[in-house]
C-alpha atoms as a PDB file:
ATOM      1  CA  MET A   1       8.504 -13.092   5.379  1.00  0.00           C
ATOM      2  CA  LYS A   2       5.986 -10.303   5.007  1.00  0.00           C
ATOM      3  CA  ILE A   3       5.505  -6.598   4.390  1.00  0.00           C
ATOM      4  CA  ALA A   4       5.008  -5.556   7.989  1.00  0.00           C
ATOM      5  CA  GLU A   5       4.705  -1.756   8.139  1.00  0.00           C
ATOM      6  CA  HIS A   6       3.399   1.097   6.016  1.00  0.00           C
ATOM      7  CA  ARG A   7       4.659   4.396   7.449  1.00  0.00           C
ATOM      8  CA  LEU A   8       3.153   7.858   6.999  1.00  0.00           C
ATOM      9  CA  ARG A   9       3.805  11.234   8.580  1.00  0.00           C
ATOM     10  CA  VAL A  10       0.753  13.093   9.901  1.00  0.00           C
ATOM     11  CA  SER A  11       0.129  16.666  11.032  1.00  0.00           C
ATOM     12  CA  ASN A  12      -2.105  15.855  14.019  1.00  0.00           C
ATOM     13  CA  LEU A  13      -1.604  12.426  15.556  1.00  0.00           C
ATOM     14  CA  LYS A  14      -4.676  12.576  17.811  1.00  0.00           C
ATOM     15  CA  ARG A  15      -6.931  13.446  14.869  1.00  0.00           C
ATOM     16  CA  SER A  16      -5.446  10.662  12.736  1.00  0.00           C
ATOM     17  CA  MET A  17      -5.767   8.118  15.548  1.00  0.00           C
ATOM     18  CA  THR A  18      -9.453   8.982  15.871  1.00  0.00           C
ATOM     19  CA  PHE A  19      -9.964   8.539  12.130  1.00  0.00           C
ATOM     20  CA  TYR A  20      -8.207   5.192  11.791  1.00  0.00           C
ATOM     21  CA  HIS A  21      -9.231   3.678  15.123  1.00  0.00           C
ATOM     22  CA  ASN A  22     -12.766   4.988  15.653  1.00  0.00           C
ATOM     23  CA  LEU A  23     -13.923   5.213  12.034  1.00  0.00           C
ATOM     24  CA  LEU A  24     -11.900   2.610  10.122  1.00  0.00           C
ATOM     25  CA  GLY A  25     -11.755   0.164  13.010  1.00  0.00           C
ATOM     26  CA  MET A  26      -8.015  -0.391  13.248  1.00  0.00           C
ATOM     27  CA  GLU A  27      -6.699  -1.727  16.528  1.00  0.00           C
ATOM     28  CA  LEU A  28      -4.307   0.484  18.481  1.00  0.00           C
ATOM     29  CA  VAL A  29      -1.099  -1.555  18.873  1.00  0.00           C
ATOM     30  CA  SER A  30       1.293   0.961  20.426  1.00  0.00           C
ATOM     31  CA  LEU A  31       1.868   4.637  21.131  1.00  0.00           C
ATOM     32  CA  GLU A  32       5.421   5.886  21.574  1.00  0.00           C
ATOM     33  CA  SER A  33       7.046   9.273  21.956  1.00  0.00           C
ATOM     34  CA  ASP A  34      10.533  10.742  22.093  1.00  0.00           C
ATOM     35  CA  GLY A  35      12.143  14.134  21.837  1.00  0.00           C
ATOM     36  CA  GLY A  36      11.431  14.338  18.109  1.00  0.00           C
ATOM     37  CA  GLY A  37       7.745  13.508  18.095  1.00  0.00           C
ATOM     38  CA  GLN A  38       5.179  10.758  18.551  1.00  0.00           C
ATOM     39  CA  CYS A  39       4.435   7.521  16.750  1.00  0.00           C
ATOM     40  CA  VAL A  40       1.346   5.298  16.789  1.00  0.00           C
ATOM     41  CA  THR A  41       0.963   1.812  15.311  1.00  0.00           C
ATOM     42  CA  LEU A  42      -2.451   0.529  14.214  1.00  0.00           C
ATOM     43  CA  SER A  43      -3.400  -2.774  12.623  1.00  0.00           C
ATOM     44  CA  TYR A  44      -6.166  -5.001  11.302  1.00  0.00           C
ATOM     45  CA  GLY A  45      -4.256  -8.160  12.186  1.00  0.00           C
ATOM     46  CA  PRO A  46      -0.815  -9.730  12.583  1.00  0.00           C
ATOM     47  CA  GLU A  47      -0.614 -11.168   9.046  1.00  0.00           C
ATOM     48  CA  GLN A  48      -0.949  -7.733   7.429  1.00  0.00           C
ATOM     49  CA  ALA A  49       1.152  -4.611   7.399  1.00  0.00           C
ATOM     50  CA  SER A  50       0.552  -2.285  10.327  1.00  0.00           C
ATOM     51  CA  LEU A  51      -0.106   1.376   9.649  1.00  0.00           C
ATOM     52  CA  VAL A  52       2.501   3.480  11.453  1.00  0.00           C
ATOM     53  CA  LEU A  53       1.729   7.193  11.852  1.00  0.00           C
ATOM     54  CA  LEU A  54       4.415   9.665  12.900  1.00  0.00           C
ATOM     55  CA  GLU A  55       3.973  13.252  14.044  1.00  0.00           C
ATOM     56  CA  ASP A  56       7.099  15.422  14.069  1.00  0.00           C
ATOM     57  CA  LYS A  57       8.111  19.008  13.460  1.00  0.00           C
ATOM     58  CA  VAL A  58       8.876  18.672   9.729  1.00  0.00           C
ATOM     59  CA  PRO A  59       6.372  20.539   7.488  1.00  0.00           C
ATOM     60  CA  LEU A  60       3.939  18.232   5.698  1.00  0.00           C
ATOM     61  CA  ALA A  61       2.425  18.778   2.235  1.00  0.00           C
ATOM     62  CA  VAL A  62       0.510  15.700   1.033  1.00  0.00           C
ATOM     63  CA  ALA A  63      -0.061  15.748  -2.733  1.00  0.00           C
ATOM     64  CA  ILE A  64      -3.547  15.332  -4.160  1.00  0.00           C
ATOM     65  CA  GLN A  65      -3.820  11.998  -5.972  1.00  0.00           C
ATOM     66  CA  PRO A  66      -3.625  10.783  -8.641  1.00  0.00           C
ATOM     67  CA  ASN A  67      -0.490  12.811  -9.338  1.00  0.00           C
ATOM     68  CA  PRO A  68       1.940  11.358 -11.931  1.00  0.00           C
ATOM     69  CA  ALA A  69       4.848  13.322 -10.453  1.00  0.00           C
ATOM     70  CA  GLU A  70       4.519  11.736  -7.014  1.00  0.00           C
ATOM     71  CA  GLY A  71       6.190   8.443  -6.207  1.00  0.00           C
ATOM     72  CA  TYR A  72       3.842   7.460  -3.416  1.00  0.00           C
ATOM     73  CA  TRP A  73       0.269   6.791  -4.548  1.00  0.00           C
ATOM     74  CA  LYS A  74      -1.952   5.195  -1.858  1.00  0.00           C
ATOM     75  CA  PHE A  75      -2.705   2.205   0.283  1.00  0.00           C
ATOM     76  CA  SER A  76      -5.682  -0.091  -0.229  1.00  0.00           C
ATOM     77  CA  LEU A  77      -8.096  -1.831   2.099  1.00  0.00           C
ATOM     78  CA  ALA A  78      -9.817  -5.021   0.976  1.00  0.00           C
ATOM     79  CA  VAL A  79     -13.487  -5.285   1.993  1.00  0.00           C
ATOM     80  CA  ASP A  80     -16.274  -7.785   1.357  1.00  0.00           C
ATOM     81  CA  SER A  81     -18.505  -5.169  -0.280  1.00  0.00           C
ATOM     82  CA  VAL A  82     -17.359  -1.762  -1.499  1.00  0.00           C
ATOM     83  CA  PRO A  83     -20.898  -0.297  -1.820  1.00  0.00           C
ATOM     84  CA  GLY A  84     -21.747  -1.477   1.695  1.00  0.00           C
ATOM     85  CA  ALA A  85     -18.488  -0.170   3.152  1.00  0.00           C
ATOM     86  CA  VAL A  86     -19.045   3.188   1.456  1.00  0.00           C
ATOM     87  CA  ARG A  87     -22.516   3.500   2.972  1.00  0.00           C
ATOM     88  CA  ALA A  88     -21.083   2.718   6.397  1.00  0.00           C
ATOM     89  CA  LEU A  89     -18.348   5.331   6.014  1.00  0.00           C
ATOM     90  CA  ARG A  90     -20.775   7.984   4.841  1.00  0.00           C
ATOM     91  CA  ARG A  91     -23.066   7.348   7.814  1.00  0.00           C
ATOM     92  CA  MET A  92     -20.053   8.200  10.006  1.00  0.00           C
ATOM     93  CA  GLY A  93     -19.445  11.428   8.087  1.00  0.00           C
ATOM     94  CA  VAL A  94     -16.534  10.236   5.929  1.00  0.00           C
ATOM     95  CA  ALA A  95     -16.686  11.767   2.464  1.00  0.00           C
ATOM     96  CA  THR A  96     -15.978   9.201  -0.269  1.00  0.00           C
ATOM     97  CA  GLY A  97     -16.106   8.957  -4.010  1.00  0.00           C
ATOM     98  CA  ASP A  98     -18.756   6.788  -5.612  1.00  0.00           C
ATOM     99  CA  PRO A  99     -18.033   3.069  -5.977  1.00  0.00           C
ATOM    100  CA  PHE A 100     -17.138   2.051  -9.527  1.00  0.00           C
ATOM    101  CA  GLU A 101     -16.379  -1.198 -11.266  1.00  0.00           C
ATOM    102  CA  VAL A 102     -13.398  -1.756 -13.517  1.00  0.00           C
ATOM    103  CA  PRO A 103     -14.625  -4.732 -15.577  1.00  0.00           C
ATOM    104  CA  GLN A 104     -12.704  -7.952 -14.885  1.00  0.00           C
ATOM    105  CA  VAL A 105     -10.444  -6.102 -12.433  1.00  0.00           C
ATOM    106  CA  ALA A 106     -12.241  -4.962  -9.275  1.00  0.00           C
ATOM    107  CA  THR A 107     -14.937  -2.813  -7.691  1.00  0.00           C
ATOM    108  CA  LEU A 108     -13.199   0.215  -6.188  1.00  0.00           C
ATOM    109  CA  CYS A 109     -13.722   3.462  -4.317  1.00  0.00           C
ATOM    110  CA  HIS A 110     -11.395   6.205  -3.109  1.00  0.00           C
ATOM    111  CA  PHE A 111     -11.423   8.599  -0.177  1.00  0.00           C
ATOM    112  CA  THR A 112      -8.853  10.509   1.876  1.00  0.00           C
ATOM    113  CA  ASP A 113      -7.744  10.638   5.485  1.00  0.00           C
ATOM    114  CA  PRO A 114      -7.502  13.906   7.495  1.00  0.00           C
ATOM    115  CA  ASP A 115      -4.132  14.782   5.925  1.00  0.00           C
ATOM    116  CA  GLY A 116      -5.262  14.023   2.379  1.00  0.00           C
ATOM    117  CA  TYR A 117      -3.630  10.608   1.903  1.00  0.00           C
ATOM    118  CA  CYS A 118      -5.510   8.558  -0.669  1.00  0.00           C
ATOM    119  CA  ILE A 119      -7.151   5.363   0.593  1.00  0.00           C
ATOM    120  CA  GLU A 120      -8.612   2.848  -1.838  1.00  0.00           C
ATOM    121  CA  LEU A 121     -11.293   0.262  -1.118  1.00  0.00           C
ATOM    122  CA  VAL A 122     -10.990  -2.961  -3.128  1.00  0.00           C
ATOM    123  CA  GLN A 123     -13.793  -5.517  -3.150  1.00  0.00           C
ATOM    124  CA  ARG A 124     -12.619  -9.096  -2.641  1.00  0.00           C
ATOM    125  CA  THR A 125     -15.006 -10.444  -5.273  1.00  0.00           C
ATOM    126  CA  LEU A 126     -15.751  -9.295  -8.807  1.00  0.00           C
ATOM    127  CA  GLY A 127     -19.160  -7.868  -9.576  1.00  0.00           C
ATOM    128  CA  ALA A 128     -21.649  -6.032  -7.371  1.00  0.00           C
ATOM    129  CA  GLY A 129     -20.827  -7.893  -4.166  1.00  0.00           C
ATOM    130  CA  ASP A 130     -23.126  -9.183  -1.437  1.00  0.00           C
ATOM    131  CA  GLN A 131     -25.254  -6.598   0.286  1.00  0.00           C
ATOM    132  CA  LEU A 132     -25.755  -7.170   4.022  1.00  0.00           C
ATOM    133  CA  GLN A 133     -29.200  -6.446   5.379  1.00  0.00           C
ATOM    134  CA  GLY A 134     -29.715  -3.460   7.654  1.00  0.00           C
ATOM    135  CA  GLU A 135     -27.095  -0.807   8.267  1.00  0.00           C
ATOM    136  CA  PRO A 136     -23.914  -2.627   9.344  1.00  0.00           C
ATOM    137  CA  GLY A 137     -20.841  -0.734  10.479  1.00  0.00           C
ATOM    138  CA  PHE A 138     -17.616  -0.544   8.493  1.00  0.00           C
ATOM    139  CA  GLU A 139     -16.022  -3.380  10.517  1.00  0.00           C
ATOM    140  CA  ARG A 140     -18.712  -5.813   9.280  1.00  0.00           C
ATOM    141  CA  PHE A 141     -17.082  -5.711   5.854  1.00  0.00           C
ATOM    142  CA  ALA A 142     -13.880  -7.238   7.273  1.00  0.00           C
ATOM    143  CA  PRO A 143     -11.378  -4.550   6.195  1.00  0.00           C
ATOM    144  CA  SER A 144      -7.759  -5.641   5.778  1.00  0.00           C
ATOM    145  CA  MET A 145      -4.573  -3.898   4.661  1.00  0.00           C
ATOM    146  CA  LEU A 146      -4.266  -5.163   1.076  1.00  0.00           C
ATOM    147  CA  LEU A 147      -1.867  -2.966  -0.917  1.00  0.00           C
ATOM    148  CA  SER A 148       0.960  -0.489  -0.505  1.00  0.00           C
ATOM    149  CA  THR A 149       1.313   1.323  -3.821  1.00  0.00           C
ATOM    150  CA  VAL A 150       4.216   3.285  -5.305  1.00  0.00           C
ATOM    151  CA  ARG A 151       5.125   4.397  -8.813  1.00  0.00           C
ATOM    152  CA  ILE A 152       8.225   3.172 -10.618  1.00  0.00           C
ATOM    153  CA  LYS A 153      10.239   4.497 -13.549  1.00  0.00           C
ATOM    154  CA  GLU A 154      11.798   1.325 -15.016  1.00  0.00           C
ATOM    155  CA  PRO A 155       9.724  -1.841 -14.456  1.00  0.00           C
ATOM    156  CA  GLY A 156      12.469  -4.225 -15.540  1.00  0.00           C
ATOM    157  CA  LEU A 157      14.872  -2.792 -12.982  1.00  0.00           C
ATOM    158  CA  SER A 158      12.323  -2.607 -10.165  1.00  0.00           C
ATOM    159  CA  LEU A 159      10.936  -6.095 -10.746  1.00  0.00           C
ATOM    160  CA  ALA A 160      14.414  -7.585 -10.795  1.00  0.00           C
ATOM    161  CA  PHE A 161      15.318  -5.744  -7.597  1.00  0.00           C
ATOM    162  CA  TYR A 162      12.263  -6.877  -5.656  1.00  0.00           C
ATOM    163  CA  GLN A 163      12.425 -10.456  -6.868  1.00  0.00           C
ATOM    164  CA  GLN A 164      16.183 -11.028  -6.760  1.00  0.00           C
ATOM    165  CA  ALA A 165      17.368  -8.751  -3.969  1.00  0.00           C
ATOM    166  CA  MET A 166      14.337  -8.888  -1.665  1.00  0.00           C
ATOM    167  CA  GLY A 167      12.959 -12.311  -2.517  1.00  0.00           C
ATOM    168  CA  MET A 168       9.454 -11.284  -3.508  1.00  0.00           C
ATOM    169  CA  ARG A 169       7.371 -13.083  -6.105  1.00  0.00           C
ATOM    170  CA  LEU A 170       5.514 -11.437  -8.984  1.00  0.00           C
ATOM    171  CA  LEU A 171       1.897 -12.548  -8.563  1.00  0.00           C
ATOM    172  CA  SER A 172       0.029 -10.506 -11.152  1.00  0.00           C
ATOM    173  CA  ARG A 173       0.609  -8.120 -14.044  1.00  0.00           C
ATOM    174  CA  GLN A 174      -2.313  -5.935 -15.087  1.00  0.00           C
ATOM    175  CA  PRO A 175      -2.002  -3.656 -18.138  1.00  0.00           C
ATOM    176  CA  VAL A 176      -4.344  -0.655 -18.078  1.00  0.00           C
ATOM    177  CA  PRO A 177      -4.085   0.645 -21.673  1.00  0.00           C
ATOM    178  CA  GLU A 178      -6.803   3.279 -21.274  1.00  0.00           C
ATOM    179  CA  ARG A 179      -4.656   4.917 -18.598  1.00  0.00           C
ATOM    180  CA  ASN A 180      -1.328   4.223 -20.292  1.00  0.00           C
ATOM    181  CA  MET A 181       0.032   2.211 -17.375  1.00  0.00           C
ATOM    182  CA  THR A 182       0.789  -1.285 -16.114  1.00  0.00           C
ATOM    183  CA  LEU A 183       0.347  -2.540 -12.552  1.00  0.00           C
ATOM    184  CA  TYR A 184       2.570  -5.180 -10.961  1.00  0.00           C
ATOM    185  CA  PHE A 185       1.680  -6.976  -7.718  1.00  0.00           C
ATOM    186  CA  LEU A 186       4.333  -8.687  -5.602  1.00  0.00           C
ATOM    187  CA  GLY A 187       4.377 -10.488  -2.292  1.00  0.00           C
ATOM    188  CA  TYR A 188       5.901 -13.234  -0.206  1.00  0.00           C
ATOM    189  CA  ASP A 189       3.725 -16.155  -1.286  1.00  0.00           C
ATOM    190  CA  ASP A 190       4.653 -19.514  -2.774  1.00  0.00           C
ATOM    191  CA  ALA A 191       1.066 -20.737  -3.264  1.00  0.00           C
ATOM    192  CA  ALA A 192       0.058 -21.767  -6.771  1.00  0.00           C
ATOM    193  CA  LEU A 193      -1.887 -19.179  -8.740  1.00  0.00           C
ATOM    194  CA  PRO A 194      -5.357 -20.188  -9.971  1.00  0.00           C
ATOM    195  CA  GLU A 195      -3.976 -19.663 -13.484  1.00  0.00           C
ATOM    196  CA  PRO A 196      -0.232 -19.669 -14.321  1.00  0.00           C
ATOM    197  CA  GLU A 197      -0.568 -16.701 -16.699  1.00  0.00           C
ATOM    198  CA  LEU A 198       0.224 -13.519 -14.733  1.00  0.00           C
ATOM    199  CA  GLU A 199      -2.386 -11.468 -16.619  1.00  0.00           C
ATOM    200  CA  ALA A 200      -5.190 -14.030 -16.205  1.00  0.00           C
ATOM    201  CA  VAL A 201      -8.490 -12.529 -15.045  1.00  0.00           C
ATOM    202  CA  ALA A 202      -9.083 -15.674 -13.000  1.00  0.00           C
ATOM    203  CA  ASN A 203      -6.293 -14.564 -10.663  1.00  0.00           C
ATOM    204  CA  ARG A 204      -7.880 -11.220  -9.765  1.00  0.00           C
ATOM    205  CA  GLU A 205     -10.241 -12.380  -6.998  1.00  0.00           C
ATOM    206  CA  TRP A 206      -7.505 -14.622  -5.597  1.00  0.00           C
ATOM    207  CA  LEU A 207      -5.248 -11.570  -5.427  1.00  0.00           C
ATOM    208  CA  TRP A 208      -7.809  -9.368  -3.646  1.00  0.00           C
ATOM    209  CA  GLN A 209      -8.430 -12.126  -1.099  1.00  0.00           C
ATOM    210  CA  ARG A 210      -4.817 -12.443   0.104  1.00  0.00           C
ATOM    211  CA  PRO A 211      -4.690 -12.276   3.923  1.00  0.00           C
ATOM    212  CA  TYR A 212      -1.396 -10.369   3.854  1.00  0.00           C
ATOM    213  CA  THR A 213      -0.267  -7.044   2.382  1.00  0.00           C
ATOM    214  CA  LEU A 214       1.014  -6.867  -1.196  1.00  0.00           C
ATOM    215  CA  LEU A 215       3.310  -4.390  -2.901  1.00  0.00           C
ATOM    216  CA  GLU A 216       1.765  -2.728  -5.957  1.00  0.00           C
ATOM    217  CA  LEU A 217       4.062  -1.045  -8.468  1.00  0.00           C
ATOM    218  CA  GLN A 218       2.519   1.356 -10.974  1.00  0.00           C
ATOM    219  CA  HIS A 219       4.454   2.031 -14.174  1.00  0.00           C
ATOM    220  CA  ILE A 220       3.276   4.903 -16.368  1.00  0.00           C
ATOM    221  CA  GLN A 221       4.378   4.214 -19.939  1.00  0.00           C
ATOM    222  CA  GLY A 222       7.151   6.468 -21.191  1.00  0.00           C
ATOM    223  CA  THR A 223       8.719   7.472 -17.875  1.00  0.00           C
ATOM    224  CA  GLU A 224      11.565   5.025 -18.459  1.00  0.00           C
ATOM    225  CA  SER A 225      12.726   7.028 -21.473  1.00  0.00           C
ATOM    226  CA  LEU A 226      12.623  10.481 -19.844  1.00  0.00           C
ATOM    227  CA  PRO A 227      16.192  11.657 -19.159  1.00  0.00           C
ATOM    228  CA  GLY A 228      16.648  12.719 -15.565  1.00  0.00           C
ATOM    229  CA  PHE A 229      13.071  11.906 -14.583  1.00  0.00           C
ATOM    230  CA  ARG A 230      12.664  10.862 -10.961  1.00  0.00           C
ATOM    231  CA  TYR A 231       9.529  10.607  -8.870  1.00  0.00           C
ATOM    232  CA  HIS A 232       9.108  12.967  -5.963  1.00  0.00           C
ATOM    233  CA  ASN A 233       9.363  10.924  -2.794  1.00  0.00           C
ATOM    234  CA  GLY A 234      10.754  13.282  -0.172  1.00  0.00           C
ATOM    235  CA  PRO A 235       9.658  13.076   3.481  1.00  0.00           C
ATOM    236  CA  GLU A 236       7.818  16.397   3.267  1.00  0.00           C
ATOM    237  CA  ARG A 237       5.227  14.555   1.124  1.00  0.00           C
ATOM    238  CA  GLY A 238       4.563  12.231   4.049  1.00  0.00           C
ATOM    239  CA  PHE A 239       5.416   8.721   2.879  1.00  0.00           C
ATOM    240  CA  VAL A 240       8.199   7.445   5.142  1.00  0.00           C
ATOM    241  CA  GLY A 241       8.577   3.938   3.723  1.00  0.00           C
ATOM    242  CA  LEU A 242       7.848   0.265   4.317  1.00  0.00           C
ATOM    243  CA  GLY A 243       9.077  -2.365   6.742  1.00  0.00           C
ATOM    244  CA  VAL A 244       9.690  -6.060   6.084  1.00  0.00           C
ATOM    245  CA  THR A 245      10.205  -9.029   8.406  1.00  0.00           C
ATOM    246  CA  GLY A 246      11.527 -12.558   7.988  1.00  0.00           C
ATOM    247  CA  LEU A 247      14.578 -11.811   5.847  1.00  0.00           C
ATOM    248  CA  ALA A 248      18.042 -12.910   7.013  1.00  0.00           C
ATOM    249  CA  PRO A 249      20.170  -9.762   7.524  1.00  0.00           C
ATOM    250  CA  LYS A 250      23.414 -11.327   6.274  1.00  0.00           C
ATOM    251  CA  GLU A 251      21.857 -12.694   3.089  1.00  0.00           C
ATOM    252  CA  LEU A 252      19.864  -9.528   2.485  1.00  0.00           C
ATOM    253  CA  LYS A 253      22.942  -7.322   2.878  1.00  0.00           C
ATOM    254  CA  SER A 254      24.796  -9.507   0.382  1.00  0.00           C
ATOM    255  CA  GLU A 255      21.979  -9.296  -2.167  1.00  0.00           C
ATOM    256  CA  LEU A 256      21.591  -5.544  -1.780  1.00  0.00           C
ATOM    257  CA  ALA A 257      25.339  -5.026  -2.151  1.00  0.00           C
ATOM    258  CA  GLN A 258      25.193  -6.648  -5.588  1.00  0.00           C
ATOM    259  CA  TRP A 259      22.740  -3.933  -6.589  1.00  0.00           C
ATOM    260  CA  GLY A 260      24.927  -1.151  -5.284  1.00  0.00           C
ATOM    261  CA  VAL A 261      22.461  -0.426  -2.496  1.00  0.00           C
ATOM    262  CA  ARG A 262      23.951   1.117   0.613  1.00  0.00           C
ATOM    263  CA  TRP A 263      22.869  -0.459   3.907  1.00  0.00           C
ATOM    264  CA  GLU A 264      22.080   2.488   6.151  1.00  0.00           C
ATOM    265  CA  SER A 265      22.022   2.720   9.926  1.00  0.00           C
ATOM    266  CA  GLY A 266      18.953   1.182  11.497  1.00  0.00           C
ATOM    267  CA  ASP A 267      18.854  -1.604   8.878  1.00  0.00           C
ATOM    268  CA  ARG A 268      17.476   0.701   6.193  1.00  0.00           C
ATOM    269  CA  TRP A 269      17.939   0.845   2.423  1.00  0.00           C
ATOM    270  CA  THR A 270      16.219   2.273  -0.656  1.00  0.00           C
ATOM    271  CA  ASP A 271      14.897   0.701  -3.846  1.00  0.00           C
ATOM    272  CA  PRO A 272      15.790   1.885  -7.406  1.00  0.00           C
ATOM    273  CA  ASP A 273      13.260   4.729  -7.184  1.00  0.00           C
ATOM    274  CA  GLY A 274      14.417   5.917  -3.774  1.00  0.00           C
ATOM    275  CA  PHE A 275      11.647   4.432  -1.619  1.00  0.00           C
ATOM    276  CA  ALA A 276      12.819   3.530   1.863  1.00  0.00           C
ATOM    277  CA  TRP A 277      12.652   0.041   3.348  1.00  0.00           C
ATOM    278  CA  SER A 278      13.745  -1.228   6.733  1.00  0.00           C
ATOM    279  CA  LEU A 279      14.326  -4.667   8.176  1.00  0.00           C
ATOM    280  CA  MET A 280      12.277  -5.380  11.271  1.00  0.00           C
ATOM    281  CA  SER A 281      12.846  -8.060  13.894  1.00  0.00           C
END
């Protein structure tokens, strides 16, 4: 079982392919087209989620992040050294923010793709990170697809849904009081945590070093008590949804039915906040 696809709509597929393949070093897996548009799949490896980019005729308006009204936030790439990866990107003309360290959490940096989607770099180790000699390219920092991140309204409901209905495991809980939010990280992994406590700092590096893609849920405190509040997650904002493999269709349908989730054509369904998922072979 794994999170296998992260799907985004783009305005210019050729431009996006150049960015992700030539600059970020993703491998081109497939290129398909039909009467409604074109679709390209790129990947860093078979254990991780592939990035699927779709160009169609629907208008696209990607929101500037961070935006607390938007359900989709970003995806993250794990790298061996954030400062080194940033230097490599800047040498190729990619504008990035400055690397910064969140103590006992991670060294991070943010930048955007040609359509304005937020991409986060996460260093696999805490602290400054090893600095390679010379001027290595971005691929030397071993990028991998680490996180797909969405915002949720009611953490209790969402966590129960992902653990009970979809069989994921909660691997880490990280309160961020200075930003009035809590982050939850889930995945398909039965390995023992370095520390059993979900908020343990000792688990952070282990989390950033996972070879597969994790789901990150961001809960902003107070949204659960706002009547009628719902995150914006329409297709015009660009985030199409996520794909998962390894789940048994019959068992999954039964679990989803208990949550009142409608199984749509093409083996698709939505989570409590309206984010789309699909079952892949």
